[in-house]
C-alpha atoms as a PDB file:
ATOM      1  CA  UNK A   1     -11.267  -1.798   4.981  1.00  0.00           C
ATOM      2  CA  UNK A   2     -14.571  -0.283   3.611  1.00  0.00           C
ATOM      3  CA  UNK A   3     -15.598   0.614   0.159  1.00  0.00           C
ATOM      4  CA  UNK A   4     -18.107  -0.187  -2.700  1.00  0.00           C
ATOM      5  CA  UNK A   5     -18.329  -1.813  -5.943  1.00  0.00           C
ATOM      6  CA  UNK A   6     -20.284  -0.724  -8.984  1.00  0.00           C
ATOM      7  CA  UNK A   7     -20.046  -2.511 -12.320  1.00  0.00           C
ATOM      8  CA  UNK A   8     -16.334  -2.436 -13.331  1.00  0.00           C
ATOM      9  CA  UNK A   9     -15.278   0.084 -10.726  1.00  0.00           C
ATOM     10  CA  UNK A  10     -14.127  -0.635  -7.200  1.00  0.00           C
ATOM     11  CA  UNK A  11     -13.485   2.060  -4.607  1.00  0.00           C
ATOM     12  CA  UNK A  12     -11.728   1.429  -1.243  1.00  0.00           C
ATOM     13  CA  UNK A  13     -12.587   4.385   1.088  1.00  0.00           C
ATOM     14  CA  UNK A  14     -10.894   3.368   4.252  1.00  0.00           C
ATOM     15  CA  UNK A  15      -8.059   0.849   5.179  1.00  0.00           C
ATOM     16  CA  UNK A  16      -5.972   0.143   8.206  1.00  0.00           C
ATOM     17  CA  UNK A  17      -4.075  -3.070   8.509  1.00  0.00           C
ATOM     18  CA  UNK A  18      -0.843  -4.328  10.142  1.00  0.00           C
ATOM     19  CA  UNK A  19       1.637  -7.106   9.270  1.00  0.00           C
ATOM     20  CA  UNK A  20       4.334  -8.995  11.123  1.00  0.00           C
ATOM     21  CA  UNK A  21       6.754  -7.935   8.418  1.00  0.00           C
ATOM     22  CA  UNK A  22       7.087  -7.128   4.697  1.00  0.00           C
ATOM     23  CA  UNK A  23      10.054  -8.505   2.768  1.00  0.00           C
ATOM     24  CA  UNK A  24      11.013  -7.565  -0.762  1.00  0.00           C
ATOM     25  CA  UNK A  25      14.328  -8.753  -1.966  1.00  0.00           C
ATOM     26  CA  UNK A  26      16.812  -7.888   0.765  1.00  0.00           C
ATOM     27  CA  UNK A  27      14.659  -5.250   2.384  1.00  0.00           C
ATOM     28  CA  UNK A  28      12.739  -6.193   5.486  1.00  0.00           C
ATOM     29  CA  UNK A  29      10.293  -3.889   7.245  1.00  0.00           C
ATOM     30  CA  UNK A  30       9.301  -4.963  10.932  1.00  0.00           C
ATOM     31  CA  UNK A  31       5.770  -4.509  12.269  1.00  0.00           C
ATOM     32  CA  UNK A  32       4.567  -2.287   9.302  1.00  0.00           C
ATOM     33  CA  UNK A  33       1.137  -0.784   9.433  1.00  0.00           C
ATOM     34  CA  UNK A  34      -0.573   0.495   6.203  1.00  0.00           C
ATOM     35  CA  UNK A  35      -3.440   3.006   6.157  1.00  0.00           C
ATOM     36  CA  UNK A  36      -5.331   4.574   3.241  1.00  0.00           C
ATOM     37  CA  UNK A  37      -4.823   8.417   2.959  1.00  0.00           C
ATOM     38  CA  UNK A  38      -6.853   8.960  -0.185  1.00  0.00           C
ATOM     39  CA  UNK A  39      -9.420   6.526  -1.538  1.00  0.00           C
ATOM     40  CA  UNK A  40      -8.065   3.793  -3.863  1.00  0.00           C
ATOM     41  CA  UNK A  41      -9.967   3.546  -7.160  1.00  0.00           C
ATOM     42  CA  UNK A  42      -9.770   0.614  -9.534  1.00  0.00           C
ATOM     43  CA  UNK A  43     -11.500   0.520 -13.004  1.00  0.00           C
ATOM     44  CA  UNK A  44     -11.323  -3.066 -14.415  1.00  0.00           C
ATOM     45  CA  UNK A  45     -12.452  -2.379 -17.906  1.00  0.00           C
ATOM     46  CA  UNK A  46     -10.377  -4.633 -20.254  1.00  0.00           C
ATOM     47  CA  UNK A  47      -9.678  -1.695 -22.788  1.00  0.00           C
ATOM     48  CA  UNK A  48      -8.825   0.816 -20.146  1.00  0.00           C
ATOM     49  CA  UNK A  49      -7.851  -0.421 -16.733  1.00  0.00           C
ATOM     50  CA  UNK A  50      -6.776   2.105 -14.106  1.00  0.00           C
ATOM     51  CA  UNK A  51      -5.711   1.994 -10.502  1.00  0.00           C
ATOM     52  CA  UNK A  52      -4.734   4.957  -8.151  1.00  0.00           C
ATOM     53  CA  UNK A  53      -4.710   5.697  -4.469  1.00  0.00           C
ATOM     54  CA  UNK A  54      -2.503   6.983  -1.602  1.00  0.00           C
ATOM     55  CA  UNK A  55      -1.207   4.984   1.305  1.00  0.00           C
ATOM     56  CA  UNK A  56       0.855   5.606   4.485  1.00  0.00           C
ATOM     57  CA  UNK A  57       3.070   2.882   5.826  1.00  0.00           C
ATOM     58  CA  UNK A  58       4.797   3.161   9.176  1.00  0.00           C
ATOM     59  CA  UNK A  59       7.300   0.591  10.409  1.00  0.00           C
ATOM     60  CA  UNK A  60       9.365  -0.019  13.558  1.00  0.00           C
ATOM     61  CA  UNK A  61      12.638  -0.572  11.593  1.00  0.00           C
ATOM     62  CA  UNK A  62      13.497  -1.239   7.904  1.00  0.00           C
ATOM     63  CA  UNK A  63      16.679  -3.384   7.144  1.00  0.00           C
ATOM     64  CA  UNK A  64      18.555  -3.375   3.844  1.00  0.00           C
ATOM     65  CA  UNK A  65      20.712  -6.578   3.768  1.00  0.00           C
ATOM     66  CA  UNK A  66      22.636  -7.334   6.863  1.00  0.00           C
ATOM     67  CA  UNK A  67      24.507  -3.936   7.324  1.00  0.00           C
ATOM     68  CA  UNK A  68      22.091  -1.117   6.739  1.00  0.00           C
ATOM     69  CA  UNK A  69      18.989  -0.059   8.559  1.00  0.00           C
ATOM     70  CA  UNK A  70      16.524   2.800   9.063  1.00  0.00           C
ATOM     71  CA  UNK A  71      14.979   3.533  12.365  1.00  0.00           C
ATOM     72  CA  UNK A  72      11.183   3.828  12.805  1.00  0.00           C
ATOM     73  CA  UNK A  73       9.886   5.588   9.643  1.00  0.00           C
ATOM     74  CA  UNK A  74       6.826   6.722   7.756  1.00  0.00           C
ATOM     75  CA  UNK A  75       6.579   6.277   4.030  1.00  0.00           C
ATOM     76  CA  UNK A  76       3.825   8.158   1.930  1.00  0.00           C
ATOM     77  CA  UNK A  77       3.030   6.303  -1.230  1.00  0.00           C
ATOM     78  CA  UNK A  78       1.131   7.518  -4.206  1.00  0.00           C
ATOM     79  CA  UNK A  79       0.203   4.760  -6.660  1.00  0.00           C
ATOM     80  CA  UNK A  80      -1.010   4.882 -10.229  1.00  0.00           C
ATOM     81  CA  UNK A  81      -1.216   2.093 -12.721  1.00  0.00           C
ATOM     82  CA  UNK A  82      -3.446  -0.354 -14.382  1.00  0.00           C
ATOM     83  CA  UNK A  83      -3.941  -2.865 -11.482  1.00  0.00           C
ATOM     84  CA  UNK A  84      -3.255  -3.062  -7.821  1.00  0.00           C
END
């Protein structure tokens, strides 16, 4: 990825990365790839931390437990909060 840092603010302007898999509870994504579609901005001030950005995740297959699955899919994520 690429970006910059100034005082208590971090900005990620580009990101493209892949993983073997992502597992969360009983969900398993195979060969996901994550790209940044809108810059991620993180303000680390203790009295008012903020984090926001937009990502796209594509995966070959997503499994939910042993009986449910999705074929190749794309997920568009909009994140807002206080920390990444």
